[in-house]
Amino acid sequence: MSFDSLLIQTCTIQRYTEGAADSYGMPAQTWADFLTDEPCRLSYPKGRQRQDATEVTPVDAVLFLNEYEITEHDRAVVETVTYEILHVAHRVNGVDEHHLELDLKRVIS
């Protein structure tokens, strides 16, 4: 079974862009589609968390997809649910980079 056959969903990766200025002169937060309809797979691990120097953040979901230039400054949309990308892990197959594993936190709006 190939990795691509496991990617049974599609997702959109969005990248932050500065929009028009608001009434205070600050650029409005705008997200533009960077990658659309990319094959992916969303998983909901129990008890997974990200830890940095100052805090521990529960991980709501993990997204698997092919290798792209995605960073923690982007966000993912899967089945109309928007997620903040907490961590991007590049997984290898013993020879080269194989796929991405993204730790996600659901965005409440």
N, C-alpha and C. Protein backbone atom coordinates (compact mmCIF):
# COMPACT_ATOMS: atom_id res chain seq x y z
N MET A 1 0.84 -1.17 0.00
CA MET A 1 0.00 0.00 0.00
C MET A 1 0.90 1.24 0.00
N SER A 2 0.66 2.15 -0.91
CA SER A 2 1.48 3.36 -1.00
C SER A 2 0.96 4.45 -0.05
N PHE A 3 1.84 5.37 0.27
CA PHE A 3 1.45 6.48 1.13
C PHE A 3 0.32 7.28 0.51
N ASP A 4 0.40 7.54 -0.79
CA ASP A 4 -0.63 8.33 -1.47
C ASP A 4 -2.02 7.70 -1.37
N SER A 5 -2.09 6.38 -1.32
CA SER A 5 -3.40 5.72 -1.21
C SER A 5 -4.03 5.92 0.16
N LEU A 6 -3.24 6.33 1.16
CA LEU A 6 -3.76 6.59 2.50
C LEU A 6 -4.32 8.00 2.65
N LEU A 7 -4.03 8.87 1.70
CA LEU A 7 -4.49 10.26 1.76
C LEU A 7 -5.90 10.34 1.20
N ILE A 8 -6.89 10.15 2.07
CA ILE A 8 -8.28 9.98 1.63
C ILE A 8 -9.11 11.26 1.75
N GLN A 9 -8.50 12.35 2.21
CA GLN A 9 -9.20 13.62 2.34
C GLN A 9 -8.46 14.67 1.51
N THR A 10 -9.03 15.87 1.43
CA THR A 10 -8.33 16.98 0.82
C THR A 10 -8.30 18.14 1.80
N CYS A 11 -7.28 18.97 1.66
CA CYS A 11 -7.14 20.12 2.55
C CYS A 11 -6.65 21.33 1.78
N THR A 12 -6.80 22.48 2.40
CA THR A 12 -6.30 23.73 1.86
C THR A 12 -5.32 24.30 2.88
N ILE A 13 -4.16 24.71 2.41
CA ILE A 13 -3.18 25.37 3.26
C ILE A 13 -3.27 26.87 2.96
N GLN A 14 -3.44 27.66 4.01
CA GLN A 14 -3.56 29.10 3.85
C GLN A 14 -2.33 29.80 4.41
N ARG A 15 -2.00 30.93 3.80
CA ARG A 15 -0.84 31.72 4.22
C ARG A 15 -1.31 33.12 4.57
N TYR A 16 -0.76 33.67 5.63
CA TYR A 16 -1.14 35.01 6.11
C TYR A 16 -0.67 36.08 5.12
N THR A 17 -1.54 37.02 4.84
CA THR A 17 -1.19 38.20 4.04
C THR A 17 -1.79 39.41 4.73
N GLU A 18 -1.17 40.54 4.54
CA GLU A 18 -1.70 41.77 5.12
C GLU A 18 -2.77 42.33 4.20
N GLY A 19 -3.94 42.57 4.77
CA GLY A 19 -5.04 43.11 4.01
C GLY A 19 -5.11 44.62 4.14
N ALA A 20 -6.23 45.18 3.79
CA ALA A 20 -6.44 46.63 3.87
C ALA A 20 -6.38 47.08 5.33
N ALA A 21 -5.99 48.30 5.54
CA ALA A 21 -5.88 48.84 6.89
C ALA A 21 -7.25 49.02 7.52
N ASP A 22 -7.34 48.76 8.83
CA ASP A 22 -8.59 48.96 9.55
C ASP A 22 -8.69 50.42 10.01
N SER A 23 -9.68 50.73 10.82
CA SER A 23 -9.90 52.11 11.24
C SER A 23 -8.77 52.66 12.11
N TYR A 24 -7.92 51.78 12.64
CA TYR A 24 -6.78 52.23 13.44
C TYR A 24 -5.49 52.29 12.63
N GLY A 25 -5.59 51.99 11.34
CA GLY A 25 -4.42 52.03 10.48
C GLY A 25 -3.60 50.75 10.49
N MET A 26 -4.11 49.73 11.15
CA MET A 26 -3.40 48.44 11.23
C MET A 26 -3.90 47.53 10.11
N PRO A 27 -3.00 46.77 9.47
CA PRO A 27 -3.45 45.86 8.41
C PRO A 27 -4.35 44.77 8.97
N ALA A 28 -5.44 44.52 8.27
CA ALA A 28 -6.39 43.48 8.69
C ALA A 28 -5.77 42.11 8.45
N GLN A 29 -6.09 41.16 9.33
CA GLN A 29 -5.59 39.80 9.19
C GLN A 29 -6.34 39.11 8.06
N THR A 30 -5.61 38.71 7.03
CA THR A 30 -6.20 38.08 5.87
C THR A 30 -5.44 36.80 5.56
N TRP A 31 -6.16 35.75 5.23
CA TRP A 31 -5.54 34.48 4.87
C TRP A 31 -5.86 34.16 3.42
N ALA A 32 -4.83 33.87 2.63
CA ALA A 32 -5.00 33.52 1.21
C ALA A 32 -4.64 32.06 1.01
N ASP A 33 -5.36 31.39 0.12
CA ASP A 33 -5.07 29.98 -0.17
C ASP A 33 -3.70 29.85 -0.82
N PHE A 34 -2.87 29.00 -0.25
CA PHE A 34 -1.53 28.73 -0.76
C PHE A 34 -1.52 27.43 -1.55
N LEU A 35 -2.12 26.38 -0.99
CA LEU A 35 -2.32 25.10 -1.67
C LEU A 35 -3.79 24.73 -1.51
N THR A 36 -4.42 24.28 -2.58
CA THR A 36 -5.84 23.93 -2.49
C THR A 36 -6.05 22.49 -2.96
N ASP A 37 -7.03 21.84 -2.35
CA ASP A 37 -7.43 20.48 -2.70
C ASP A 37 -6.25 19.51 -2.72
N GLU A 38 -5.37 19.63 -1.72
CA GLU A 38 -4.23 18.74 -1.61
C GLU A 38 -4.65 17.46 -0.90
N PRO A 39 -4.26 16.30 -1.43
CA PRO A 39 -4.57 15.04 -0.74
C PRO A 39 -3.92 15.02 0.65
N CYS A 40 -4.68 14.58 1.65
CA CYS A 40 -4.16 14.56 3.02
C CYS A 40 -4.94 13.53 3.83
N ARG A 41 -4.54 13.38 5.08
CA ARG A 41 -5.27 12.51 6.01
C ARG A 41 -5.22 13.14 7.39
N LEU A 42 -6.38 13.30 8.01
CA LEU A 42 -6.48 13.90 9.33
C LEU A 42 -6.68 12.79 10.36
N SER A 43 -5.93 12.89 11.44
CA SER A 43 -6.01 11.91 12.52
C SER A 43 -6.22 12.65 13.83
N TYR A 44 -6.90 12.01 14.77
CA TYR A 44 -7.18 12.62 16.07
C TYR A 44 -6.53 11.80 17.19
N PRO A 45 -5.26 12.07 17.47
CA PRO A 45 -4.58 11.29 18.52
C PRO A 45 -5.03 11.72 19.91
N LYS A 46 -5.09 10.80 20.82
CA LYS A 46 -5.49 11.12 22.20
C LYS A 46 -4.24 11.39 23.03
N GLY A 47 -4.26 12.48 23.78
CA GLY A 47 -3.19 12.78 24.71
C GLY A 47 -1.94 13.37 24.10
N ARG A 48 -1.94 13.68 22.82
CA ARG A 48 -0.75 14.25 22.19
C ARG A 48 -0.67 15.73 22.52
N GLN A 49 0.56 16.23 22.71
CA GLN A 49 0.74 17.64 23.03
C GLN A 49 2.08 18.13 22.52
N ARG A 50 2.15 19.46 22.33
CA ARG A 50 3.39 20.13 21.91
C ARG A 50 3.91 20.87 23.13
N GLN A 51 5.19 20.78 23.36
CA GLN A 51 5.79 21.47 24.50
C GLN A 51 6.94 22.32 24.02
N ASP A 52 6.91 23.61 24.39
CA ASP A 52 8.05 24.47 24.12
C ASP A 52 8.61 24.94 25.47
N ALA A 53 9.45 25.94 25.46
CA ALA A 53 10.12 26.35 26.68
C ALA A 53 9.18 26.88 27.76
N THR A 54 8.02 27.42 27.37
CA THR A 54 7.16 28.08 28.34
C THR A 54 5.78 27.48 28.52
N GLU A 55 5.31 26.65 27.59
CA GLU A 55 3.95 26.14 27.72
C GLU A 55 3.77 24.79 27.03
N VAL A 56 2.72 24.12 27.45
CA VAL A 56 2.31 22.85 26.84
C VAL A 56 0.97 23.08 26.16
N THR A 57 0.86 22.71 24.88
CA THR A 57 -0.36 22.92 24.12
C THR A 57 -0.92 21.58 23.67
N PRO A 58 -2.17 21.27 23.99
CA PRO A 58 -2.77 20.03 23.49
C PRO A 58 -2.90 20.08 21.97
N VAL A 59 -2.65 18.96 21.33
CA VAL A 59 -2.78 18.85 19.88
C VAL A 59 -4.17 18.29 19.59
N ASP A 60 -4.95 19.04 18.79
CA ASP A 60 -6.31 18.60 18.46
C ASP A 60 -6.34 17.57 17.34
N ALA A 61 -5.39 17.68 16.40
CA ALA A 61 -5.37 16.77 15.26
C ALA A 61 -3.96 16.72 14.67
N VAL A 62 -3.72 15.68 13.87
CA VAL A 62 -2.46 15.55 13.14
C VAL A 62 -2.83 15.38 11.67
N LEU A 63 -2.16 16.14 10.81
CA LEU A 63 -2.43 16.10 9.38
C LEU A 63 -1.22 15.53 8.67
N PHE A 64 -1.45 14.54 7.83
CA PHE A 64 -0.40 13.92 7.02
C PHE A 64 -0.60 14.35 5.57
N LEU A 65 0.46 14.78 4.92
CA LEU A 65 0.38 15.13 3.51
C LEU A 65 1.76 15.06 2.88
N ASN A 66 1.80 15.15 1.56
CA ASN A 66 3.06 15.09 0.84
C ASN A 66 3.94 16.29 1.18
N GLU A 67 5.18 16.20 0.80
CA GLU A 67 6.19 17.20 1.13
C GLU A 67 5.95 18.51 0.37
N TYR A 68 5.75 19.61 1.13
CA TYR A 68 5.59 20.95 0.59
C TYR A 68 6.32 21.94 1.49
N GLU A 69 6.43 23.16 1.06
CA GLU A 69 7.04 24.23 1.86
C GLU A 69 5.97 24.84 2.76
N ILE A 70 5.68 24.19 3.86
CA ILE A 70 4.67 24.64 4.82
C ILE A 70 5.39 24.97 6.12
N THR A 71 4.95 26.04 6.79
CA THR A 71 5.59 26.45 8.04
C THR A 71 4.54 26.57 9.15
N GLU A 72 5.01 26.83 10.35
CA GLU A 72 4.13 27.04 11.49
C GLU A 72 3.37 28.37 11.41
N HIS A 73 3.70 29.19 10.43
CA HIS A 73 2.99 30.46 10.23
C HIS A 73 1.77 30.31 9.32
N ASP A 74 1.61 29.14 8.73
CA ASP A 74 0.47 28.86 7.86
C ASP A 74 -0.65 28.24 8.69
N ARG A 75 -1.77 27.96 8.04
CA ARG A 75 -2.84 27.23 8.70
C ARG A 75 -3.49 26.29 7.70
N ALA A 76 -4.21 25.30 8.22
CA ALA A 76 -4.82 24.27 7.38
C ALA A 76 -6.33 24.28 7.55
N VAL A 77 -7.04 24.02 6.46
CA VAL A 77 -8.50 23.89 6.48
C VAL A 77 -8.83 22.51 5.94
N VAL A 78 -9.52 21.72 6.78
CA VAL A 78 -9.93 20.37 6.39
C VAL A 78 -11.42 20.25 6.70
N GLU A 79 -12.20 19.95 5.67
CA GLU A 79 -13.65 19.78 5.81
C GLU A 79 -14.28 20.96 6.55
N THR A 80 -13.98 22.15 6.14
CA THR A 80 -14.49 23.43 6.65
C THR A 80 -14.02 23.79 8.05
N VAL A 81 -13.16 22.99 8.66
CA VAL A 81 -12.61 23.30 9.98
C VAL A 81 -11.20 23.87 9.79
N THR A 82 -10.95 25.00 10.45
CA THR A 82 -9.66 25.68 10.32
C THR A 82 -8.78 25.34 11.51
N TYR A 83 -7.51 25.04 11.23
CA TYR A 83 -6.54 24.67 12.25
C TYR A 83 -5.29 25.55 12.15
N GLU A 84 -4.75 25.91 13.29
CA GLU A 84 -3.45 26.55 13.38
C GLU A 84 -2.40 25.45 13.34
N ILE A 85 -1.32 25.66 12.61
CA ILE A 85 -0.25 24.67 12.54
C ILE A 85 0.73 24.94 13.68
N LEU A 86 0.81 24.01 14.62
CA LEU A 86 1.69 24.16 15.77
C LEU A 86 3.12 23.70 15.47
N HIS A 87 3.24 22.66 14.65
CA HIS A 87 4.56 22.09 14.36
C HIS A 87 4.53 21.36 13.02
N VAL A 88 5.61 21.50 12.27
CA VAL A 88 5.76 20.80 10.99
C VAL A 88 6.92 19.82 11.14
N ALA A 89 6.65 18.53 10.99
CA ALA A 89 7.69 17.50 11.05
C ALA A 89 7.88 16.91 9.66
N HIS A 90 9.12 16.93 9.18
CA HIS A 90 9.46 16.33 7.90
C HIS A 90 9.88 14.88 8.17
N ARG A 91 9.12 13.93 7.70
CA ARG A 91 9.41 12.52 7.92
C ARG A 91 10.20 11.97 6.74
N VAL A 92 11.12 11.07 7.01
CA VAL A 92 11.98 10.48 5.97
C VAL A 92 11.70 9.00 5.85
N ASN A 93 12.03 8.46 4.69
CA ASN A 93 11.83 7.03 4.45
C ASN A 93 13.16 6.28 4.45
N GLY A 94 14.20 6.86 5.03
CA GLY A 94 15.51 6.23 5.06
C GLY A 94 16.44 6.76 4.00
N VAL A 95 15.89 7.41 2.98
CA VAL A 95 16.71 7.95 1.89
C VAL A 95 16.55 9.46 1.79
N ASP A 96 15.32 9.92 1.73
CA ASP A 96 15.05 11.36 1.60
C ASP A 96 13.72 11.69 2.28
N GLU A 97 13.35 12.97 2.20
CA GLU A 97 12.09 13.39 2.82
C GLU A 97 10.91 12.71 2.13
N HIS A 98 9.98 12.20 2.94
CA HIS A 98 8.89 11.39 2.41
C HIS A 98 7.54 12.09 2.50
N HIS A 99 7.22 12.64 3.68
CA HIS A 99 5.93 13.32 3.85
C HIS A 99 6.02 14.26 5.05
N LEU A 100 4.95 15.05 5.24
CA LEU A 100 4.86 15.97 6.37
C LEU A 100 3.86 15.44 7.38
N GLU A 101 4.14 15.75 8.64
CA GLU A 101 3.22 15.45 9.73
C GLU A 101 3.04 16.76 10.49
N LEU A 102 1.83 17.32 10.45
CA LEU A 102 1.54 18.61 11.05
C LEU A 102 0.71 18.45 12.32
N ASP A 103 1.20 18.99 13.43
CA ASP A 103 0.41 19.04 14.65
C ASP A 103 -0.50 20.26 14.57
N LEU A 104 -1.79 20.09 14.82
CA LEU A 104 -2.78 21.16 14.61
C LEU A 104 -3.55 21.49 15.88
N LYS A 105 -3.95 22.74 15.97
CA LYS A 105 -4.83 23.24 17.03
C LYS A 105 -6.02 23.90 16.35
N ARG A 106 -7.22 23.51 16.70
CA ARG A 106 -8.43 24.04 16.07
C ARG A 106 -8.56 25.53 16.39
N VAL A 107 -8.90 26.32 15.35
CA VAL A 107 -9.12 27.75 15.50
C VAL A 107 -10.59 27.96 15.82
N ILE A 108 -10.86 28.58 16.94
CA ILE A 108 -12.23 28.88 17.34
C ILE A 108 -12.53 30.31 16.90
N SER A 109 -13.54 30.45 16.05
CA SER A 109 -13.87 31.80 15.57
C SER A 109 -15.30 32.17 15.86
